[in-house]
C-alpha atoms as a PDB file:
ATOM      1  CA  ASP A   1     -59.754  47.440 124.203  1.00  0.00           C
ATOM      2  CA  SER A   2     -58.559  45.021 121.525  1.00  0.00           C
ATOM      3  CA  PHE A   3     -57.821  47.609 118.815  1.00  0.00           C
ATOM      4  CA  TRP A   4     -54.055  47.918 118.431  1.00  0.00           C
ATOM      5  CA  LEU A   5     -54.238  51.713 118.371  1.00  0.00           C
ATOM      6  CA  GLY A   6     -56.985  51.999 120.967  1.00  0.00           C
ATOM      7  CA  PRO A   7     -56.399  54.295 123.939  1.00  0.00           C
ATOM      8  CA  SER A   8     -56.746  51.463 126.440  1.00  0.00           C
ATOM      9  CA  TYR A   9     -55.078  48.662 124.467  1.00  0.00           C
ATOM     10  CA  GLN A  10     -53.300  46.311 126.906  1.00  0.00           C
ATOM     11  CA  ARG A  11     -53.603  48.664 129.868  1.00  0.00           C
ATOM     12  CA  SER A  12     -56.038  50.225 132.270  1.00  0.00           C
ATOM     13  CA  SER A  13     -56.907  53.766 131.261  1.00  0.00           C
ATOM     14  CA  CYS A  14     -58.923  56.767 132.248  1.00  0.00           C
ATOM     15  CA  TYR A  15     -60.184  59.504 129.980  1.00  0.00           C
ATOM     16  CA  ILE A  16     -59.664  63.191 130.634  1.00  0.00           C
ATOM     17  CA  GLY A  17     -61.396  65.721 128.437  1.00  0.00           C
ATOM     18  CA  THR A  18     -60.367  69.352 128.225  1.00  0.00           C
ATOM     19  CA  LYS A  19     -62.528  72.162 126.979  1.00  0.00           C
ATOM     20  CA  ILE A  20     -62.126  75.860 126.399  1.00  0.00           C
ATOM     21  CA  HIS A  21     -64.785  78.547 126.221  1.00  0.00           C
ATOM     22  CA  PHE A  22     -64.929  80.735 123.109  1.00  0.00           C
ATOM     23  CA  PRO A  23     -66.730  83.959 124.085  1.00  0.00           C
ATOM     24  CA  TYR A  24     -68.788  85.521 121.322  1.00  0.00           C
ATOM     25  CA  GLY A  25     -66.674  87.761 119.133  1.00  0.00           C
ATOM     26  CA  ARG A  26     -63.346  86.810 120.716  1.00  0.00           C
ATOM     27  CA  THR A  27     -60.818  84.085 120.137  1.00  0.00           C
ATOM     28  CA  PRO A  28     -59.195  83.022 123.401  1.00  0.00           C
ATOM     29  CA  GLU A  29     -55.536  82.160 123.724  1.00  0.00           C
ATOM     30  CA  TYR A  30     -55.913  78.402 123.533  1.00  0.00           C
ATOM     31  CA  ILE A  31     -52.855  77.123 121.678  1.00  0.00           C
ATOM     32  CA  ASP A  32     -50.479  77.443 124.655  1.00  0.00           C
ATOM     33  CA  TYR A  33     -53.117  75.939 126.945  1.00  0.00           C
ATOM     34  CA  PHE A  34     -53.497  72.812 124.826  1.00  0.00           C
ATOM     35  CA  LYS A  35     -49.724  72.500 124.395  1.00  0.00           C
ATOM     36  CA  MET A  36     -49.398  72.493 128.187  1.00  0.00           C
ATOM     37  CA  VAL A  37     -52.166  69.893 128.571  1.00  0.00           C
ATOM     38  CA  GLU A  38     -50.613  67.726 125.862  1.00  0.00           C
ATOM     39  CA  SER A  39     -47.191  67.933 127.515  1.00  0.00           C
ATOM     40  CA  LEU A  40     -48.679  66.915 130.853  1.00  0.00           C
ATOM     41  CA  MET A  41     -50.541  63.964 129.326  1.00  0.00           C
ATOM     42  CA  LEU A  42     -47.454  62.776 127.457  1.00  0.00           C
ATOM     43  CA  SER A  43     -45.434  62.819 130.681  1.00  0.00           C
ATOM     44  CA  TYR A  44     -47.834  60.114 131.930  1.00  0.00           C
ATOM     45  CA  LYS A  45     -47.642  58.106 128.678  1.00  0.00           C
ATOM     46  CA  GLY A  46     -51.051  59.365 127.605  1.00  0.00           C
ATOM     47  CA  ARG A  47     -52.539  58.334 124.292  1.00  0.00           C
ATOM     48  CA  PRO A  48     -54.352  60.991 122.275  1.00  0.00           C
ATOM     49  CA  HIS A  49     -57.886  60.846 120.932  1.00  0.00           C
ATOM     50  CA  TRP A  50     -57.450  60.154 117.208  1.00  0.00           C
ATOM     51  CA  GLY A  51     -60.223  62.593 116.351  1.00  0.00           C
ATOM     52  CA  LYS A  52     -58.685  65.537 118.189  1.00  0.00           C
ATOM     53  CA  GLN A  53     -55.888  67.948 117.335  1.00  0.00           C
ATOM     54  CA  PHE A  54     -52.437  67.062 118.620  1.00  0.00           C
ATOM     55  CA  ASN A  55     -48.769  67.535 117.712  1.00  0.00           C
ATOM     56  CA  ILE A  56     -47.034  64.333 118.677  1.00  0.00           C
ATOM     57  CA  PRO A  57     -44.069  62.835 116.777  1.00  0.00           C
ATOM     58  CA  THR A  58     -44.179  59.295 115.413  1.00  0.00           C
ATOM     59  CA  LYS A  59     -41.396  58.228 117.774  1.00  0.00           C
ATOM     60  CA  TYR A  60     -43.736  58.809 120.713  1.00  0.00           C
ATOM     61  CA  PHE A  61     -46.432  56.551 119.244  1.00  0.00           C
ATOM     62  CA  THR A  62     -43.974  53.698 118.888  1.00  0.00           C
ATOM     63  CA  SER A  63     -43.281  53.988 122.614  1.00  0.00           C
ATOM     64  CA  VAL A  64     -46.922  53.855 123.782  1.00  0.00           C
ATOM     65  CA  TYR A  65     -48.539  51.542 121.216  1.00  0.00           C
ATOM     66  CA  PRO A  66     -46.933  48.077 121.349  1.00  0.00           C
ATOM     67  CA  LYS A  67     -48.439  47.136 117.969  1.00  0.00           C
ATOM     68  CA  TRP A  68     -47.660  50.415 116.167  1.00  0.00           C
ATOM     69  CA  ASP A  69     -45.243  48.827 113.688  1.00  0.00           C
ATOM     70  CA  ASP A  70     -47.495  45.784 113.202  1.00  0.00           C
ATOM     71  CA  PHE A  71     -50.391  48.097 112.350  1.00  0.00           C
ATOM     72  CA  TRP A  72     -48.380  49.837 109.633  1.00  0.00           C
ATOM     73  CA  THR A  73     -47.153  46.506 108.280  1.00  0.00           C
ATOM     74  CA  LEU A  74     -50.802  45.570 107.702  1.00  0.00           C
ATOM     75  CA  VAL A  75     -51.552  48.973 106.187  1.00  0.00           C
ATOM     76  CA  ASP A  76     -48.708  48.462 103.706  1.00  0.00           C
ATOM     77  CA  LYS A  77     -49.861  44.942 102.930  1.00  0.00           C
ATOM     78  CA  TYR A  78     -53.535  45.727 102.320  1.00  0.00           C
ATOM     79  CA  ASP A  79     -53.195  49.290 100.990  1.00  0.00           C
ATOM     80  CA  PRO A  80     -49.822  49.346  99.222  1.00  0.00           C
ATOM     81  CA  LYS A  81     -50.770  52.299  97.005  1.00  0.00           C
ATOM     82  CA  GLY A  82     -52.109  54.363  99.917  1.00  0.00           C
ATOM     83  CA  ILE A  83     -55.590  54.671  98.424  1.00  0.00           C
ATOM     84  CA  PHE A  84     -57.250  54.677 101.847  1.00  0.00           C
ATOM     85  CA  GLN A  85     -54.671  56.897 103.528  1.00  0.00           C
ATOM     86  CA  ASN A  86     -55.070  60.617 103.988  1.00  0.00           C
ATOM     87  CA  ALA A  87     -52.888  63.538 105.065  1.00  0.00           C
ATOM     88  CA  PHE A  88     -53.582  62.815 108.746  1.00  0.00           C
ATOM     89  CA  LEU A  89     -52.382  59.207 108.527  1.00  0.00           C
ATOM     90  CA  LYS A  90     -49.310  60.242 106.583  1.00  0.00           C
ATOM     91  CA  ARG A  91     -48.516  62.911 109.177  1.00  0.00           C
ATOM     92  CA  ILE A  92     -48.768  60.617 112.204  1.00  0.00           C
ATOM     93  CA  ARG A  93     -46.742  57.960 110.454  1.00  0.00           C
ATOM     94  CA  ASN A  94     -43.935  60.214 109.283  1.00  0.00           C
ATOM     95  CA  SER A  95     -43.701  63.059 111.778  1.00  0.00           C
END
């Protein structure tokens, strides 16, 4: 993977997907489950899927993405007014 924020950038990786069943008419207790899975993945320096829900602080990203700061330097250079940034990008950058 040559994308600076790619899950397998500069390392061998495997992908683990987790699912939860939502029975008709009921909402299962899933928040604690996904917190536990996230904690487990982070203990192995896992990188999240950018299109999935997660609660990871910016400090963690700087530890697992070698080009994290370089990426944001380019964002600032080519989008100084933040026109192409959204709430998600602002959250992962400043959490």
